[in-house]
Amino acid sequence: MQVKPPKLHRVAFRVTAEQKLLLQQAAKNKGNSLSDFVLELILDRVQSEETLPKTSQLSELSLEQRVQIAQRTLESNGPTEKMRSLLEEGKRMLGSSK
């Protein structure tokens, strides 16, 4: 038997009374709780539409974005020494990956 990780995080959104009733009826027809029904629909949609970048793209993009954010912060807020150090480290990492 596979052990499921505990659900510790919450996601909330607002719906109209009609939307909630529709979702509740659909969940009941499928034999699921409302939360499980909505979560399953959302996860299926996200995974089927390839809305997430590939892992390698995410890593490269994430690093570039972090460097850009650091640069903007340095330009606008008067950076701390730690910020300057992190920016230089990011630039070195980008330079060595090309």
N, C-alpha and C. Protein backbone atom coordinates (compact mmCIF):
# COMPACT_ATOMS: atom_id res chain seq x y z
N MET A 1 0.84 -1.18 0.00
CA MET A 1 0.00 0.00 0.00
C MET A 1 0.89 1.25 0.00
N GLN A 2 0.63 2.14 -0.93
CA GLN A 2 1.43 3.36 -1.05
C GLN A 2 0.95 4.40 -0.05
N VAL A 3 1.91 4.99 0.67
CA VAL A 3 1.59 6.02 1.65
C VAL A 3 1.52 7.37 0.95
N LYS A 4 0.41 8.06 1.11
CA LYS A 4 0.25 9.38 0.50
C LYS A 4 0.86 10.43 1.41
N PRO A 5 1.55 11.41 0.82
CA PRO A 5 2.09 12.48 1.66
C PRO A 5 0.93 13.30 2.26
N PRO A 6 1.12 13.84 3.44
CA PRO A 6 0.04 14.62 4.05
C PRO A 6 -0.24 15.90 3.28
N LYS A 7 -1.48 16.28 3.25
CA LYS A 7 -1.88 17.53 2.60
C LYS A 7 -1.81 18.64 3.64
N LEU A 8 -0.77 19.47 3.54
CA LEU A 8 -0.54 20.50 4.54
C LEU A 8 -0.86 21.90 4.05
N HIS A 9 -1.07 22.06 2.74
CA HIS A 9 -1.25 23.39 2.18
C HIS A 9 -2.67 23.56 1.67
N ARG A 10 -3.13 24.80 1.66
CA ARG A 10 -4.50 25.10 1.26
C ARG A 10 -4.49 26.07 0.09
N VAL A 11 -5.40 25.84 -0.86
CA VAL A 11 -5.63 26.75 -1.97
C VAL A 11 -7.11 27.12 -1.92
N ALA A 12 -7.41 28.40 -2.00
CA ALA A 12 -8.80 28.84 -1.91
C ALA A 12 -9.14 29.75 -3.07
N PHE A 13 -10.39 29.69 -3.50
CA PHE A 13 -10.90 30.61 -4.51
C PHE A 13 -12.39 30.77 -4.31
N ARG A 14 -12.93 31.86 -4.82
CA ARG A 14 -14.35 32.16 -4.64
C ARG A 14 -15.14 31.78 -5.89
N VAL A 15 -16.35 31.28 -5.65
CA VAL A 15 -17.25 30.91 -6.74
C VAL A 15 -18.65 31.42 -6.40
N THR A 16 -19.50 31.47 -7.41
CA THR A 16 -20.90 31.83 -7.17
C THR A 16 -21.62 30.63 -6.56
N ALA A 17 -22.78 30.88 -6.03
CA ALA A 17 -23.58 29.79 -5.45
C ALA A 17 -23.91 28.73 -6.51
N GLU A 18 -24.21 29.18 -7.71
CA GLU A 18 -24.54 28.26 -8.80
C GLU A 18 -23.34 27.40 -9.18
N GLN A 19 -22.15 28.03 -9.23
CA GLN A 19 -20.94 27.29 -9.57
C GLN A 19 -20.62 26.24 -8.51
N LYS A 20 -20.79 26.63 -7.25
CA LYS A 20 -20.52 25.68 -6.17
C LYS A 20 -21.47 24.50 -6.23
N LEU A 21 -22.74 24.77 -6.48
CA LEU A 21 -23.74 23.70 -6.57
C LEU A 21 -23.40 22.75 -7.72
N LEU A 22 -23.02 23.31 -8.86
CA LEU A 22 -22.65 22.49 -10.01
C LEU A 22 -21.46 21.60 -9.68
N LEU A 23 -20.43 22.18 -9.06
CA LEU A 23 -19.25 21.40 -8.69
C LEU A 23 -19.59 20.32 -7.66
N GLN A 24 -20.41 20.65 -6.69
CA GLN A 24 -20.81 19.68 -5.67
C GLN A 24 -21.56 18.50 -6.29
N GLN A 25 -22.46 18.81 -7.22
CA GLN A 25 -23.22 17.75 -7.88
C GLN A 25 -22.31 16.85 -8.70
N ALA A 26 -21.37 17.45 -9.42
CA ALA A 26 -20.44 16.67 -10.24
C ALA A 26 -19.55 15.80 -9.35
N ALA A 27 -19.08 16.35 -8.24
CA ALA A 27 -18.24 15.58 -7.31
C ALA A 27 -19.02 14.41 -6.72
N LYS A 28 -20.26 14.68 -6.34
CA LYS A 28 -21.11 13.63 -5.76
C LYS A 28 -21.36 12.51 -6.77
N ASN A 29 -21.61 12.89 -8.03
CA ASN A 29 -21.84 11.89 -9.09
C ASN A 29 -20.62 11.02 -9.30
N LYS A 30 -19.46 11.57 -9.09
CA LYS A 30 -18.22 10.81 -9.28
C LYS A 30 -17.80 10.08 -8.00
N GLY A 31 -18.46 10.38 -6.88
CA GLY A 31 -18.15 9.73 -5.62
C GLY A 31 -16.94 10.32 -4.91
N ASN A 32 -16.65 11.59 -5.20
CA ASN A 32 -15.51 12.28 -4.58
C ASN A 32 -15.99 13.42 -3.70
N SER A 33 -15.09 13.85 -2.82
CA SER A 33 -15.37 15.08 -2.08
C SER A 33 -15.20 16.24 -3.07
N LEU A 34 -15.76 17.38 -2.72
CA LEU A 34 -15.63 18.55 -3.58
C LEU A 34 -14.16 18.91 -3.77
N SER A 35 -13.39 18.92 -2.70
CA SER A 35 -11.96 19.27 -2.79
C SER A 35 -11.21 18.32 -3.70
N ASP A 36 -11.40 17.01 -3.52
CA ASP A 36 -10.69 16.03 -4.35
C ASP A 36 -11.10 16.14 -5.81
N PHE A 37 -12.38 16.37 -6.05
CA PHE A 37 -12.89 16.50 -7.41
C PHE A 37 -12.25 17.69 -8.13
N VAL A 38 -12.26 18.86 -7.49
CA VAL A 38 -11.70 20.06 -8.10
C VAL A 38 -10.20 19.92 -8.29
N LEU A 39 -9.51 19.39 -7.29
CA LEU A 39 -8.06 19.21 -7.39
C LEU A 39 -7.70 18.28 -8.54
N GLU A 40 -8.42 17.19 -8.67
CA GLU A 40 -8.15 16.24 -9.76
C GLU A 40 -8.34 16.91 -11.13
N LEU A 41 -9.42 17.67 -11.28
CA LEU A 41 -9.67 18.38 -12.54
C LEU A 41 -8.54 19.35 -12.88
N ILE A 42 -8.15 20.11 -11.89
CA ILE A 42 -7.11 21.12 -12.11
C ILE A 42 -5.79 20.46 -12.47
N LEU A 43 -5.39 19.45 -11.72
CA LEU A 43 -4.12 18.78 -11.98
C LEU A 43 -4.12 18.10 -13.35
N ASP A 44 -5.22 17.46 -13.71
CA ASP A 44 -5.32 16.84 -15.04
C ASP A 44 -5.15 17.88 -16.13
N ARG A 45 -5.77 19.02 -15.96
CA ARG A 45 -5.70 20.09 -16.97
C ARG A 45 -4.28 20.63 -17.10
N VAL A 46 -3.65 20.90 -15.98
CA VAL A 46 -2.29 21.45 -15.99
C VAL A 46 -1.33 20.46 -16.64
N GLN A 47 -1.43 19.21 -16.29
CA GLN A 47 -0.51 18.20 -16.81
C GLN A 47 -0.76 17.91 -18.29
N SER A 48 -2.00 17.94 -18.74
CA SER A 48 -2.31 17.59 -20.12
C SER A 48 -1.98 18.71 -21.10
N GLU A 49 -1.98 19.94 -20.65
CA GLU A 49 -1.76 21.06 -21.55
C GLU A 49 -0.31 21.50 -21.64
N GLU A 50 0.57 20.81 -20.95
CA GLU A 50 1.98 21.17 -20.95
C GLU A 50 2.16 22.66 -20.66
N THR A 51 1.51 23.13 -19.62
CA THR A 51 1.60 24.54 -19.25
C THR A 51 2.87 24.85 -18.48
N LEU A 52 3.58 23.83 -18.04
CA LEU A 52 4.81 24.04 -17.29
C LEU A 52 6.02 23.84 -18.18
N PRO A 53 7.05 24.65 -18.02
CA PRO A 53 8.26 24.46 -18.82
C PRO A 53 8.98 23.18 -18.43
N LYS A 54 9.79 22.66 -19.33
CA LYS A 54 10.61 21.49 -19.03
C LYS A 54 11.57 21.84 -17.89
N THR A 55 12.00 20.84 -17.14
CA THR A 55 12.84 21.07 -15.98
C THR A 55 14.10 21.83 -16.33
N SER A 56 14.76 21.47 -17.43
CA SER A 56 16.00 22.16 -17.78
C SER A 56 15.73 23.62 -18.13
N GLN A 57 14.62 23.88 -18.82
CA GLN A 57 14.27 25.27 -19.15
C GLN A 57 13.98 26.04 -17.88
N LEU A 58 13.29 25.42 -16.94
CA LEU A 58 12.93 26.09 -15.70
C LEU A 58 14.17 26.47 -14.91
N SER A 59 15.16 25.56 -14.86
CA SER A 59 16.38 25.85 -14.12
C SER A 59 17.14 27.01 -14.73
N GLU A 60 17.32 27.00 -16.05
CA GLU A 60 18.05 28.08 -16.70
C GLU A 60 17.30 29.39 -16.59
N LEU A 61 16.02 29.36 -16.87
CA LEU A 61 15.21 30.57 -16.80
C LEU A 61 15.18 31.11 -15.39
N SER A 62 15.05 30.24 -14.43
CA SER A 62 14.99 30.66 -13.05
C SER A 62 16.27 31.39 -12.63
N LEU A 63 17.39 30.87 -13.03
CA LEU A 63 18.66 31.50 -12.68
C LEU A 63 18.76 32.88 -13.34
N GLU A 64 18.40 32.96 -14.62
CA GLU A 64 18.45 34.25 -15.32
C GLU A 64 17.50 35.25 -14.67
N GLN A 65 16.32 34.79 -14.32
CA GLN A 65 15.36 35.68 -13.68
C GLN A 65 15.89 36.17 -12.34
N ARG A 66 16.52 35.28 -11.59
CA ARG A 66 17.06 35.70 -10.30
C ARG A 66 18.13 36.77 -10.48
N VAL A 67 18.97 36.62 -11.46
CA VAL A 67 20.01 37.62 -11.71
C VAL A 67 19.37 38.94 -12.12
N GLN A 68 18.36 38.90 -12.99
CA GLN A 68 17.67 40.13 -13.41
C GLN A 68 17.02 40.83 -12.22
N ILE A 69 16.38 40.06 -11.38
CA ILE A 69 15.73 40.64 -10.19
C ILE A 69 16.79 41.28 -9.28
N ALA A 70 17.88 40.56 -9.11
CA ALA A 70 18.95 41.10 -8.27
C ALA A 70 19.49 42.39 -8.86
N GLN A 71 19.68 42.42 -10.18
CA GLN A 71 20.18 43.63 -10.81
C GLN A 71 19.23 44.80 -10.61
N ARG A 72 17.94 44.55 -10.78
CA ARG A 72 16.95 45.63 -10.58
C ARG A 72 16.95 46.11 -9.13
N THR A 73 17.09 45.17 -8.22
CA THR A 73 17.12 45.53 -6.81
C THR A 73 18.35 46.38 -6.50
N LEU A 74 19.46 45.96 -7.05
CA LEU A 74 20.70 46.71 -6.84
C LEU A 74 20.57 48.14 -7.36
N GLU A 75 19.93 48.29 -8.51
CA GLU A 75 19.80 49.60 -9.13
C GLU A 75 18.83 50.51 -8.36
N SER A 76 17.81 49.93 -7.73
CA SER A 76 16.77 50.77 -7.15
C SER A 76 16.84 50.97 -5.64
N ASN A 77 17.38 50.03 -4.90
CA ASN A 77 17.26 50.09 -3.44
C ASN A 77 18.57 50.27 -2.69
N GLY A 78 19.64 50.50 -3.35
CA GLY A 78 20.90 50.58 -2.63
C GLY A 78 21.20 49.24 -2.00
N PRO A 79 21.96 48.38 -2.67
CA PRO A 79 22.14 46.99 -2.26
C PRO A 79 22.98 46.82 -1.00
N THR A 80 22.70 45.72 -0.34
CA THR A 80 23.54 45.32 0.78
C THR A 80 24.73 44.54 0.23
N GLU A 81 25.71 44.30 1.05
CA GLU A 81 26.88 43.52 0.62
C GLU A 81 26.46 42.10 0.23
N LYS A 82 25.52 41.53 0.96
CA LYS A 82 25.03 40.17 0.66
C LYS A 82 24.38 40.15 -0.72
N MET A 83 23.61 41.18 -1.05
CA MET A 83 22.97 41.26 -2.36
C MET A 83 24.02 41.33 -3.47
N ARG A 84 25.03 42.12 -3.27
CA ARG A 84 26.10 42.23 -4.27
C ARG A 84 26.79 40.88 -4.46
N SER A 85 27.04 40.18 -3.38
CA SER A 85 27.69 38.88 -3.44
C SER A 85 26.84 37.87 -4.21
N LEU A 86 25.55 37.85 -3.94
CA LEU A 86 24.65 36.92 -4.62
C LEU A 86 24.57 37.23 -6.11
N LEU A 87 24.55 38.50 -6.47
CA LEU A 87 24.51 38.89 -7.87
C LEU A 87 25.77 38.40 -8.59
N GLU A 88 26.91 38.61 -8.00
CA GLU A 88 28.16 38.18 -8.62
C GLU A 88 28.20 36.66 -8.78
N GLU A 89 27.69 35.95 -7.78
CA GLU A 89 27.64 34.49 -7.86
C GLU A 89 26.74 34.05 -9.01
N GLY A 90 25.60 34.70 -9.17
CA GLY A 90 24.68 34.38 -10.26
C GLY A 90 25.30 34.66 -11.62
N LYS A 91 26.01 35.76 -11.74
CA LYS A 91 26.67 36.09 -13.00
C LYS A 91 27.73 35.05 -13.34
N ARG A 92 28.48 34.60 -12.33
CA ARG A 92 29.49 33.56 -12.58
C ARG A 92 28.85 32.26 -13.04
N MET A 93 27.74 31.90 -12.42
CA MET A 93 27.04 30.67 -12.80
C MET A 93 26.51 30.76 -14.22
N LEU A 94 25.97 31.90 -14.59
CA LEU A 94 25.48 32.07 -15.94
C LEU A 94 26.62 32.03 -16.94
N GLY A 95 27.71 32.64 -16.62
CA GLY A 95 28.86 32.67 -17.51
C GLY A 95 29.46 31.29 -17.72
N SER A 96 29.44 30.45 -16.70
CA SER A 96 30.05 29.14 -16.81
C SER A 96 29.13 28.13 -17.50
N SER A 97 27.82 28.43 -17.61
CA SER A 97 26.89 27.47 -18.22
C SER A 97 26.77 27.67 -19.72
N LYS A 98 27.34 28.74 -20.26
CA LYS A 98 27.20 29.00 -21.70
C LYS A 98 28.36 28.43 -22.47
